[in-house]
Amino acid sequence: MRYIYFIIGLLWALVGCEDVIDVEVPTTNPRLIVNGLLRVDESLEFVPVEIKVTETNNFFEETPVTQLESALIIYGQPNPDAPELLDNLATSSLAESAPGSGIYIPDPTFDADQRIRTTSLLPNTVFILIIEHKGRRYAARTPYSKTVPLDNLVQGDETLFDEDDTEIKISFTDIQDQEDYYVFDFGFGEFLAFDDQFIDGQQFEFSYFYQKDLEPGQEVEISIMGADQQFFNYMDLLVEQTQNDGGVFETPAATVRGNVFDITGLDNTLIFDNVNRPEDFPLGYFAVVEEFKQSLIIE
């Protein structure tokens, strides 16, 4: 009987402890997120220009899409006497692909064709993205970064941490006497930043392990992209901060700063920085990179 009374008393105490606790999560002003990774296949006629813009939101909420007042890409070759300036300037005016999508493409209603032809790309071509959002003007500057193709892609039989790991062996050949940076995309929001510090001019093979269930017959696509040092550093840090977090472009870490600057009020949009505006910048990145892909069927 005492045991029964003890159980009843314990249950009563537990029920009495079921108070609702309101947890306050920090709230911040929305910050613009720019997803501007343009992957170039030089065998195609046009650069696949697609700039996606969203905004940060409070914790536990999805990032909502947003709209721009204007969006423009300027591109050309650096002036030999003043590399910060561009020669042979051309422009591409962007418009929202569908109302409310937050995705901006070359304006199909413009009088002239606003698409960028791949034949206009040179290794030193510089691209500048200029956008206006909620009364502020932002800009990002990036060089066109070429890369090398993948030599081979095969499935291995080794494991890393778990017997269900799937090993993929990737090989490529680095260009000799040239400082190269690479970004690998393994799908599923998984990326790897890599440089040629120890493999200059050599063929190199490495293994990547998928730590998820891949079914026999499933196709995986792996790509190698070019990068300059700034984009390499950004991706390397972003991958480190978003491990197992759903993909580096889905929830950009607030501490990882990209290459988009607030240029509101500046006269010259070709030369910009925001040394005096340390807190006024969007998240995300704008890059134009060459990409090679290969697919593999899982056995």
C-alpha atoms as a PDB file:
ATOM      1  CA  MET A   1       0.000   0.000   0.000  1.00  0.00           C
ATOM      2  CA  ARG A   2       2.829   2.398   0.832  1.00  0.00           C
ATOM      3  CA  TYR A   3       4.325   1.566  -2.560  1.00  0.00           C
ATOM      4  CA  ILE A   4       1.044   2.470  -4.300  1.00  0.00           C
ATOM      5  CA  TYR A   5       0.846   5.765  -2.384  1.00  0.00           C
ATOM      6  CA  PHE A   6       4.453   6.497  -3.361  1.00  0.00           C
ATOM      7  CA  ILE A   7       3.712   5.940  -7.072  1.00  0.00           C
ATOM      8  CA  ILE A   8       0.579   8.112  -6.938  1.00  0.00           C
ATOM      9  CA  GLY A   9       2.520  10.859  -5.191  1.00  0.00           C
ATOM     10  CA  LEU A  10       5.306  10.672  -7.735  1.00  0.00           C
ATOM     11  CA  LEU A  11       2.876  10.912 -10.654  1.00  0.00           C
ATOM     12  CA  TRP A  12       1.160  13.881  -9.008  1.00  0.00           C
ATOM     13  CA  ALA A  13       4.507  15.638  -8.591  1.00  0.00           C
ATOM     14  CA  LEU A  14       5.415  15.023 -12.217  1.00  0.00           C
ATOM     15  CA  VAL A  15       2.080  16.350 -13.445  1.00  0.00           C
ATOM     16  CA  GLY A  16       2.525  19.420 -11.262  1.00  0.00           C
ATOM     17  CA  CYS A  17       5.921  20.075 -12.867  1.00  0.00           C
ATOM     18  CA  GLU A  18       4.565  20.259 -16.416  1.00  0.00           C
ATOM     19  CA  ASP A  19       4.748  24.057 -16.626  1.00  0.00           C
ATOM     20  CA  VAL A  20       5.023  25.685 -20.050  1.00  0.00           C
ATOM     21  CA  ILE A  21       8.370  27.423 -20.488  1.00  0.00           C
ATOM     22  CA  ASP A  22       8.600  30.218 -23.042  1.00  0.00           C
ATOM     23  CA  VAL A  23      12.083  30.387 -24.512  1.00  0.00           C
ATOM     24  CA  GLU A  24      13.071  33.764 -25.885  1.00  0.00           C
ATOM     25  CA  VAL A  25      15.137  33.474 -29.049  1.00  0.00           C
ATOM     26  CA  PRO A  26      17.151  36.431 -30.261  1.00  0.00           C
ATOM     27  CA  THR A  27      15.603  38.511 -33.029  1.00  0.00           C
ATOM     28  CA  THR A  28      17.578  40.566 -35.521  1.00  0.00           C
ATOM     29  CA  ASN A  29      16.772  42.787 -38.452  1.00  0.00           C
ATOM     30  CA  PRO A  30      16.482  40.797 -41.697  1.00  0.00           C
ATOM     31  CA  ARG A  31      19.722  40.647 -43.671  1.00  0.00           C
ATOM     32  CA  LEU A  32      19.868  40.102 -47.427  1.00  0.00           C
ATOM     33  CA  ILE A  33      21.283  36.754 -48.637  1.00  0.00           C
ATOM     34  CA  VAL A  34      22.727  36.635 -52.159  1.00  0.00           C
ATOM     35  CA  ASN A  35      23.145  33.216 -53.800  1.00  0.00           C
ATOM     36  CA  GLY A  36      25.096  34.131 -56.924  1.00  0.00           C
ATOM     37  CA  LEU A  37      27.227  31.117 -57.855  1.00  0.00           C
ATOM     38  CA  LEU A  38      27.257  31.013 -61.680  1.00  0.00           C
ATOM     39  CA  ARG A  39      28.600  27.692 -63.009  1.00  0.00           C
ATOM     40  CA  VAL A  40      29.908  27.939 -66.567  1.00  0.00           C
ATOM     41  CA  ASP A  41      30.037  25.140 -69.131  1.00  0.00           C
ATOM     42  CA  GLU A  42      32.046  26.657 -71.967  1.00  0.00           C
ATOM     43  CA  SER A  43      30.616  24.135 -74.439  1.00  0.00           C
ATOM     44  CA  LEU A  44      27.255  25.903 -74.073  1.00  0.00           C
ATOM     45  CA  GLU A  45      26.390  29.181 -75.757  1.00  0.00           C
ATOM     46  CA  PHE A  46      25.422  31.226 -72.720  1.00  0.00           C
ATOM     47  CA  VAL A  47      26.450  31.660 -69.082  1.00  0.00           C
ATOM     48  CA  PRO A  48      23.608  30.324 -66.861  1.00  0.00           C
ATOM     49  CA  VAL A  49      22.955  33.564 -64.979  1.00  0.00           C
ATOM     50  CA  GLU A  50      20.642  33.047 -62.004  1.00  0.00           C
ATOM     51  CA  ILE A  51      20.863  35.188 -58.876  1.00  0.00           C
ATOM     52  CA  LYS A  52      18.654  34.109 -55.965  1.00  0.00           C
ATOM     53  CA  VAL A  53      17.922  36.522 -53.121  1.00  0.00           C
ATOM     54  CA  THR A  54      16.377  35.710 -49.744  1.00  0.00           C
ATOM     55  CA  GLU A  55      16.476  37.275 -46.278  1.00  0.00           C
ATOM     56  CA  THR A  56      17.558  36.011 -42.895  1.00  0.00           C
ATOM     57  CA  ASN A  57      14.789  35.247 -40.458  1.00  0.00           C
ATOM     58  CA  ASN A  58      14.327  34.478 -36.784  1.00  0.00           C
ATOM     59  CA  PHE A  59      15.424  31.130 -35.384  1.00  0.00           C
ATOM     60  CA  PHE A  60      13.416  28.033 -36.412  1.00  0.00           C
ATOM     61  CA  GLU A  61      11.900  29.849 -39.410  1.00  0.00           C
ATOM     62  CA  GLU A  62      12.609  29.431 -43.112  1.00  0.00           C
ATOM     63  CA  THR A  63      14.438  32.140 -45.035  1.00  0.00           C
ATOM     64  CA  PRO A  64      11.836  34.020 -47.106  1.00  0.00           C
ATOM     65  CA  VAL A  65      12.492  35.132 -50.668  1.00  0.00           C
ATOM     66  CA  THR A  66      12.710  38.850 -51.298  1.00  0.00           C
ATOM     67  CA  GLN A  67      12.611  41.187 -54.282  1.00  0.00           C
ATOM     68  CA  LEU A  68      15.152  43.654 -55.660  1.00  0.00           C
ATOM     69  CA  GLU A  69      14.527  47.117 -57.046  1.00  0.00           C
ATOM     70  CA  SER A  70      17.149  46.479 -59.737  1.00  0.00           C
ATOM     71  CA  ALA A  71      19.952  44.076 -60.659  1.00  0.00           C
ATOM     72  CA  LEU A  72      22.778  44.497 -63.165  1.00  0.00           C
ATOM     73  CA  ILE A  73      25.956  42.629 -64.098  1.00  0.00           C
ATOM     74  CA  ILE A  74      28.910  44.564 -65.546  1.00  0.00           C
ATOM     75  CA  TYR A  75      31.844  42.654 -67.022  1.00  0.00           C
ATOM     76  CA  GLY A  76      35.088  43.357 -68.849  1.00  0.00           C
ATOM     77  CA  GLN A  77      38.864  42.956 -68.748  1.00  0.00           C
ATOM     78  CA  PRO A  78      41.089  44.711 -66.177  1.00  0.00           C
ATOM     79  CA  ASN A  79      42.891  47.784 -67.482  1.00  0.00           C
ATOM     80  CA  PRO A  80      46.663  46.975 -67.675  1.00  0.00           C
ATOM     81  CA  ASP A  81      47.544  50.343 -66.125  1.00  0.00           C
ATOM     82  CA  ALA A  82      44.763  50.348 -63.524  1.00  0.00           C
ATOM     83  CA  PRO A  83      43.515  46.790 -62.803  1.00  0.00           C
ATOM     84  CA  GLU A  84      40.697  48.107 -60.611  1.00  0.00           C
ATOM     85  CA  LEU A  85      39.150  49.601 -63.775  1.00  0.00           C
ATOM     86  CA  LEU A  86      37.638  47.550 -66.606  1.00  0.00           C
ATOM     87  CA  ASP A  87      38.040  47.837 -70.370  1.00  0.00           C
ATOM     88  CA  ASN A  88      35.625  46.607 -73.052  1.00  0.00           C
ATOM     89  CA  LEU A  89      32.702  46.940 -70.682  1.00  0.00           C
ATOM     90  CA  ALA A  90      29.466  45.057 -71.317  1.00  0.00           C
ATOM     91  CA  THR A  91      26.331  44.781 -69.202  1.00  0.00           C
ATOM     92  CA  SER A  92      23.514  42.352 -68.525  1.00  0.00           C
ATOM     93  CA  SER A  93      20.302  43.705 -67.042  1.00  0.00           C
ATOM     94  CA  LEU A  94      18.468  41.229 -64.800  1.00  0.00           C
ATOM     95  CA  ALA A  95      14.781  40.775 -64.040  1.00  0.00           C
ATOM     96  CA  GLU A  96      12.827  38.455 -61.752  1.00  0.00           C
ATOM     97  CA  SER A  97      12.140  35.196 -63.602  1.00  0.00           C
ATOM     98  CA  ALA A  98       8.656  34.889 -62.084  1.00  0.00           C
ATOM     99  CA  PRO A  99       6.849  37.253 -59.702  1.00  0.00           C
ATOM    100  CA  GLY A 100       7.697  36.388 -56.099  1.00  0.00           C
ATOM    101  CA  SER A 101      10.403  33.852 -56.999  1.00  0.00           C
ATOM    102  CA  GLY A 102      13.370  35.954 -55.837  1.00  0.00           C
ATOM    103  CA  ILE A 103      15.358  34.553 -58.787  1.00  0.00           C
ATOM    104  CA  TYR A 104      16.895  37.018 -61.250  1.00  0.00           C
ATOM    105  CA  ILE A 105      17.921  36.156 -64.799  1.00  0.00           C
ATOM    106  CA  PRO A 106      18.881  38.169 -67.910  1.00  0.00           C
ATOM    107  CA  ASP A 107      15.853  40.340 -68.692  1.00  0.00           C
ATOM    108  CA  PRO A 108      13.970  38.640 -71.576  1.00  0.00           C
ATOM    109  CA  THR A 109      11.890  41.795 -72.223  1.00  0.00           C
ATOM    110  CA  PHE A 110      14.925  44.026 -72.849  1.00  0.00           C
ATOM    111  CA  ASP A 111      15.366  45.468 -76.358  1.00  0.00           C
ATOM    112  CA  ALA A 112      18.767  43.759 -76.790  1.00  0.00           C
ATOM    113  CA  ASP A 113      19.718  40.222 -75.744  1.00  0.00           C
ATOM    114  CA  GLN A 114      20.944  40.442 -72.138  1.00  0.00           C
ATOM    115  CA  ARG A 115      22.395  36.939 -71.982  1.00  0.00           C
ATOM    116  CA  ILE A 116      26.180  36.596 -71.566  1.00  0.00           C
ATOM    117  CA  ARG A 117      27.861  34.489 -74.238  1.00  0.00           C
ATOM    118  CA  THR A 118      30.549  32.076 -73.111  1.00  0.00           C
ATOM    119  CA  THR A 119      32.689  33.176 -76.074  1.00  0.00           C
ATOM    120  CA  SER A 120      33.121  36.528 -74.317  1.00  0.00           C
ATOM    121  CA  LEU A 121      34.836  34.874 -71.342  1.00  0.00           C
ATOM    122  CA  LEU A 122      38.576  35.168 -70.873  1.00  0.00           C
ATOM    123  CA  PRO A 123      40.542  33.874 -67.841  1.00  0.00           C
ATOM    124  CA  ASN A 124      40.948  37.451 -66.559  1.00  0.00           C
ATOM    125  CA  THR A 125      37.378  38.610 -67.180  1.00  0.00           C
ATOM    126  CA  VAL A 126      35.978  40.457 -64.148  1.00  0.00           C
ATOM    127  CA  PHE A 127      32.293  40.485 -63.231  1.00  0.00           C
ATOM    128  CA  ILE A 128      30.573  43.050 -61.023  1.00  0.00           C
ATOM    129  CA  LEU A 129      27.072  42.466 -59.663  1.00  0.00           C
ATOM    130  CA  ILE A 130      25.168  45.610 -58.625  1.00  0.00           C
ATOM    131  CA  ILE A 131      21.792  45.280 -56.911  1.00  0.00           C
ATOM    132  CA  GLU A 132      19.387  47.595 -55.092  1.00  0.00           C
ATOM    133  CA  HIS A 133      17.328  46.283 -52.221  1.00  0.00           C
ATOM    134  CA  LYS A 134      15.057  48.241 -49.868  1.00  0.00           C
ATOM    135  CA  GLY A 135      16.744  51.555 -50.660  1.00  0.00           C
ATOM    136  CA  ARG A 136      20.302  50.239 -50.294  1.00  0.00           C
ATOM    137  CA  ARG A 137      22.792  49.513 -53.080  1.00  0.00           C
ATOM    138  CA  TYR A 138      25.137  46.529 -52.936  1.00  0.00           C
ATOM    139  CA  ALA A 139      27.941  45.308 -55.201  1.00  0.00           C
ATOM    140  CA  ALA A 140      30.227  42.290 -55.559  1.00  0.00           C
ATOM    141  CA  ARG A 141      33.311  41.910 -57.737  1.00  0.00           C
ATOM    142  CA  THR A 142      34.745  38.556 -58.843  1.00  0.00           C
ATOM    143  CA  PRO A 143      37.088  37.214 -61.537  1.00  0.00           C
ATOM    144  CA  TYR A 144      36.117  34.414 -63.891  1.00  0.00           C
ATOM    145  CA  SER A 145      37.847  31.329 -62.468  1.00  0.00           C
ATOM    146  CA  LYS A 146      38.718  28.474 -64.830  1.00  0.00           C
ATOM    147  CA  THR A 147      39.424  24.917 -63.771  1.00  0.00           C
ATOM    148  CA  VAL A 148      40.545  21.498 -65.064  1.00  0.00           C
ATOM    149  CA  PRO A 149      38.311  18.529 -65.891  1.00  0.00           C
ATOM    150  CA  LEU A 150      37.990  15.441 -63.742  1.00  0.00           C
ATOM    151  CA  ASP A 151      40.219  12.596 -64.961  1.00  0.00           C
ATOM    152  CA  ASN A 152      38.349   9.716 -63.377  1.00  0.00           C
ATOM    153  CA  LEU A 153      35.546   8.868 -61.007  1.00  0.00           C
ATOM    154  CA  VAL A 154      35.198   5.359 -59.512  1.00  0.00           C
ATOM    155  CA  GLN A 155      33.558   3.763 -56.499  1.00  0.00           C
ATOM    156  CA  GLY A 156      35.880   2.333 -53.849  1.00  0.00           C
ATOM    157  CA  ASP A 157      35.234  -0.268 -51.159  1.00  0.00           C
ATOM    158  CA  GLU A 158      36.830   1.358 -48.120  1.00  0.00           C
ATOM    159  CA  THR A 159      34.916   2.923 -45.198  1.00  0.00           C
ATOM    160  CA  LEU A 160      35.720   5.861 -42.947  1.00  0.00           C
ATOM    161  CA  PHE A 161      33.581   5.862 -39.785  1.00  0.00           C
ATOM    162  CA  ASP A 162      30.723   3.497 -40.560  1.00  0.00           C
ATOM    163  CA  GLU A 163      30.366   0.324 -42.596  1.00  0.00           C
ATOM    164  CA  ASP A 164      27.575   1.991 -44.583  1.00  0.00           C
ATOM    165  CA  ASP A 165      29.928   4.745 -45.835  1.00  0.00           C
ATOM    166  CA  THR A 166      30.318   4.928 -49.615  1.00  0.00           C
ATOM    167  CA  GLU A 167      33.771   5.732 -50.974  1.00  0.00           C
ATOM    168  CA  ILE A 168      34.188   7.653 -54.238  1.00  0.00           C
ATOM    169  CA  LYS A 169      37.682   8.049 -55.715  1.00  0.00           C
ATOM    170  CA  ILE A 170      38.214  11.273 -57.647  1.00  0.00           C
ATOM    171  CA  SER A 171      41.270  12.130 -59.742  1.00  0.00           C
ATOM    172  CA  PHE A 172      42.291  15.276 -61.652  1.00  0.00           C
ATOM    173  CA  THR A 173      45.498  16.830 -63.009  1.00  0.00           C
ATOM    174  CA  ASP A 174      46.640  20.198 -61.694  1.00  0.00           C
ATOM    175  CA  ILE A 175      48.215  22.828 -63.975  1.00  0.00           C
ATOM    176  CA  GLN A 176      51.937  23.256 -63.390  1.00  0.00           C
ATOM    177  CA  ASP A 177      53.493  26.507 -62.134  1.00  0.00           C
ATOM    178  CA  GLN A 178      50.117  28.078 -61.504  1.00  0.00           C
ATOM    179  CA  GLU A 179      48.391  28.808 -58.193  1.00  0.00           C
ATOM    180  CA  ASP A 180      45.087  26.984 -58.447  1.00  0.00           C
ATOM    181  CA  TYR A 181      42.075  26.673 -56.187  1.00  0.00           C
ATOM    182  CA  TYR A 182      39.191  24.245 -56.552  1.00  0.00           C
ATOM    183  CA  VAL A 183      35.711  23.724 -55.106  1.00  0.00           C
ATOM    184  CA  PHE A 184      34.201  20.228 -55.380  1.00  0.00           C
ATOM    185  CA  ASP A 185      30.430  19.707 -55.287  1.00  0.00           C
ATOM    186  CA  PHE A 186      29.403  16.178 -54.264  1.00  0.00           C
ATOM    187  CA  GLY A 187      25.672  16.825 -54.293  1.00  0.00           C
ATOM    188  CA  PHE A 188      23.376  16.676 -51.257  1.00  0.00           C
ATOM    189  CA  GLY A 189      24.722  20.112 -50.205  1.00  0.00           C
ATOM    190  CA  GLU A 190      28.217  18.668 -49.628  1.00  0.00           C
ATOM    191  CA  PHE A 191      31.244  20.692 -50.788  1.00  0.00           C
ATOM    192  CA  LEU A 192      35.013  20.630 -50.411  1.00  0.00           C
ATOM    193  CA  ALA A 193      37.499  23.482 -50.954  1.00  0.00           C
ATOM    194  CA  PHE A 194      40.939  22.401 -52.143  1.00  0.00           C
ATOM    195  CA  ASP A 195      44.187  24.095 -53.244  1.00  0.00           C
ATOM    196  CA  ASP A 196      47.256  22.838 -55.137  1.00  0.00           C
ATOM    197  CA  GLN A 197      49.859  23.799 -52.543  1.00  0.00           C
ATOM    198  CA  PHE A 198      51.303  20.256 -52.408  1.00  0.00           C
ATOM    199  CA  ILE A 199      50.278  18.863 -55.802  1.00  0.00           C
ATOM    200  CA  ASP A 200      51.420  21.523 -58.285  1.00  0.00           C
ATOM    201  CA  GLY A 201      51.361  20.079 -61.805  1.00  0.00           C
ATOM    202  CA  GLN A 202      50.610  16.542 -60.652  1.00  0.00           C
ATOM    203  CA  GLN A 203      47.764  14.137 -61.155  1.00  0.00           C
ATOM    204  CA  PHE A 204      46.088  13.677 -57.795  1.00  0.00           C
ATOM    205  CA  GLU A 205      43.580  11.134 -56.500  1.00  0.00           C
ATOM    206  CA  PHE A 206      41.620  11.384 -53.258  1.00  0.00           C
ATOM    207  CA  SER A 207      38.675   9.624 -51.672  1.00  0.00           C
ATOM    208  CA  TYR A 208      35.411  11.211 -50.587  1.00  0.00           C
ATOM    209  CA  PHE A 209      33.100   9.279 -48.258  1.00  0.00           C
ATOM    210  CA  TYR A 210      29.331   9.728 -48.340  1.00  0.00           C
ATOM    211  CA  GLN A 211      28.120   9.194 -44.804  1.00  0.00           C
ATOM    212  CA  LYS A 212      24.557   8.512 -45.879  1.00  0.00           C
ATOM    213  CA  ASP A 213      22.672   5.568 -47.327  1.00  0.00           C
ATOM    214  CA  LEU A 214      23.183   5.408 -51.083  1.00  0.00           C
ATOM    215  CA  GLU A 215      21.192   2.720 -52.861  1.00  0.00           C
ATOM    216  CA  PRO A 216      22.602   0.484 -55.614  1.00  0.00           C
ATOM    217  CA  GLY A 217      21.623   1.980 -58.963  1.00  0.00           C
ATOM    218  CA  GLN A 218      21.451   5.500 -57.532  1.00  0.00           C
ATOM    219  CA  GLU A 219      23.250   8.135 -59.596  1.00  0.00           C
ATOM    220  CA  VAL A 220      25.537  10.689 -58.004  1.00  0.00           C
ATOM    221  CA  GLU A 221      26.955  13.698 -59.827  1.00  0.00           C
ATOM    222  CA  ILE A 222      30.267  15.243 -58.801  1.00  0.00           C
ATOM    223  CA  SER A 223      31.666  18.476 -60.185  1.00  0.00           C
ATOM    224  CA  ILE A 224      34.902  20.424 -59.969  1.00  0.00           C
ATOM    225  CA  MET A 225      34.730  24.225 -60.063  1.00  0.00           C
ATOM    226  CA  GLY A 226      37.400  26.879 -60.386  1.00  0.00           C
ATOM    227  CA  ALA A 227      37.945  29.427 -57.645  1.00  0.00           C
ATOM    228  CA  ASP A 228      40.108  32.387 -56.799  1.00  0.00           C
ATOM    229  CA  GLN A 229      41.693  32.591 -53.345  1.00  0.00           C
ATOM    230  CA  GLN A 230      38.875  34.699 -51.908  1.00  0.00           C
ATOM    231  CA  PHE A 231      36.153  32.281 -52.992  1.00  0.00           C
ATOM    232  CA  PHE A 232      38.278  29.334 -51.819  1.00  0.00           C
ATOM    233  CA  ASN A 233      38.656  30.900 -48.357  1.00  0.00           C
ATOM    234  CA  TYR A 234      34.930  31.639 -48.178  1.00  0.00           C
ATOM    235  CA  MET A 235      33.895  28.108 -49.129  1.00  0.00           C
ATOM    236  CA  ASP A 236      36.491  26.508 -46.855  1.00  0.00           C
ATOM    237  CA  LEU A 237      35.190  28.432 -43.846  1.00  0.00           C
ATOM    238  CA  LEU A 238      31.553  27.977 -44.804  1.00  0.00           C
ATOM    239  CA  VAL A 239      31.924  24.206 -45.173  1.00  0.00           C
ATOM    240  CA  GLU A 240      33.577  24.071 -41.762  1.00  0.00           C
ATOM    241  CA  GLN A 241      30.691  25.953 -40.126  1.00  0.00           C
ATOM    242  CA  THR A 242      27.858  24.123 -41.859  1.00  0.00           C
ATOM    243  CA  GLN A 243      28.855  20.489 -41.512  1.00  0.00           C
ATOM    244  CA  ASN A 244      25.692  18.364 -41.423  1.00  0.00           C
ATOM    245  CA  ASP A 245      23.565  21.513 -41.552  1.00  0.00           C
ATOM    246  CA  GLY A 246      21.643  21.070 -44.771  1.00  0.00           C
ATOM    247  CA  GLY A 247      23.956  22.666 -47.314  1.00  0.00           C
ATOM    248  CA  VAL A 248      26.209  25.692 -47.452  1.00  0.00           C
ATOM    249  CA  PHE A 249      23.818  27.819 -49.515  1.00  0.00           C
ATOM    250  CA  GLU A 250      20.663  27.006 -47.585  1.00  0.00           C
ATOM    251  CA  THR A 251      21.524  28.562 -44.219  1.00  0.00           C
ATOM    252  CA  PRO A 252      24.612  30.789 -44.571  1.00  0.00           C
ATOM    253  CA  ALA A 253      26.421  31.239 -41.268  1.00  0.00           C
ATOM    254  CA  ALA A 254      26.201  34.824 -40.063  1.00  0.00           C
ATOM    255  CA  THR A 255      29.891  34.845 -39.132  1.00  0.00           C
ATOM    256  CA  VAL A 256      31.018  33.986 -42.672  1.00  0.00           C
ATOM    257  CA  ARG A 257      31.280  37.143 -44.709  1.00  0.00           C
ATOM    258  CA  GLY A 258      31.073  36.950 -48.489  1.00  0.00           C
ATOM    259  CA  ASN A 259      32.156  39.395 -51.176  1.00  0.00           C
ATOM    260  CA  VAL A 260      28.997  41.527 -51.363  1.00  0.00           C
ATOM    261  CA  PHE A 261      29.448  45.093 -50.037  1.00  0.00           C
ATOM    262  CA  ASP A 262      27.139  47.971 -49.197  1.00  0.00           C
ATOM    263  CA  ILE A 263      28.038  50.754 -51.664  1.00  0.00           C
ATOM    264  CA  THR A 264      25.112  53.044 -50.929  1.00  0.00           C
ATOM    265  CA  GLY A 265      26.175  56.630 -51.656  1.00  0.00           C
ATOM    266  CA  LEU A 266      29.486  55.767 -53.324  1.00  0.00           C
ATOM    267  CA  ASP A 267      30.084  57.527 -56.649  1.00  0.00           C
ATOM    268  CA  ASN A 268      32.257  54.925 -58.383  1.00  0.00           C
ATOM    269  CA  THR A 269      30.721  51.434 -58.371  1.00  0.00           C
ATOM    270  CA  LEU A 270      33.801  49.911 -59.997  1.00  0.00           C
ATOM    271  CA  ILE A 271      35.978  50.715 -56.972  1.00  0.00           C
ATOM    272  CA  PHE A 272      34.282  49.939 -53.685  1.00  0.00           C
ATOM    273  CA  ASP A 273      34.766  48.707 -50.171  1.00  0.00           C
ATOM    274  CA  ASN A 274      32.950  49.270 -46.910  1.00  0.00           C
ATOM    275  CA  VAL A 275      35.812  49.834 -44.502  1.00  0.00           C
ATOM    276  CA  ASN A 276      33.659  52.358 -42.673  1.00  0.00           C
ATOM    277  CA  ARG A 277      30.568  50.111 -42.709  1.00  0.00           C
ATOM    278  CA  PRO A 278      31.620  46.952 -40.858  1.00  0.00           C
ATOM    279  CA  GLU A 279      28.045  45.902 -40.063  1.00  0.00           C
ATOM    280  CA  ASP A 280      26.335  46.815 -43.332  1.00  0.00           C
ATOM    281  CA  PHE A 281      26.739  43.837 -45.630  1.00  0.00           C
ATOM    282  CA  PRO A 282      24.583  40.997 -46.954  1.00  0.00           C
ATOM    283  CA  LEU A 283      25.366  37.319 -46.600  1.00  0.00           C
ATOM    284  CA  GLY A 284      26.169  35.026 -49.505  1.00  0.00           C
ATOM    285  CA  TYR A 285      28.548  35.245 -52.432  1.00  0.00           C
ATOM    286  CA  PHE A 286      28.809  36.167 -56.114  1.00  0.00           C
ATOM    287  CA  ALA A 287      31.183  34.041 -58.215  1.00  0.00           C
ATOM    288  CA  VAL A 288      31.553  33.086 -61.865  1.00  0.00           C
ATOM    289  CA  VAL A 289      33.390  29.768 -62.232  1.00  0.00           C
ATOM    290  CA  GLU A 290      34.065  27.143 -64.858  1.00  0.00           C
ATOM    291  CA  GLU A 291      32.651  23.715 -63.968  1.00  0.00           C
ATOM    292  CA  PHE A 292      33.188  20.154 -65.164  1.00  0.00           C
ATOM    293  CA  LYS A 293      30.897  17.290 -64.077  1.00  0.00           C
ATOM    294  CA  GLN A 294      30.868  13.518 -64.088  1.00  0.00           C
ATOM    295  CA  SER A 295      28.214  11.056 -62.945  1.00  0.00           C
ATOM    296  CA  LEU A 296      28.569   7.647 -61.314  1.00  0.00           C
ATOM    297  CA  ILE A 297      26.057   4.841 -60.708  1.00  0.00           C
ATOM    298  CA  ILE A 298      26.361   3.377 -57.208  1.00  0.00           C
ATOM    299  CA  GLU A 299      26.937  -0.384 -57.195  1.00  0.00           C
END
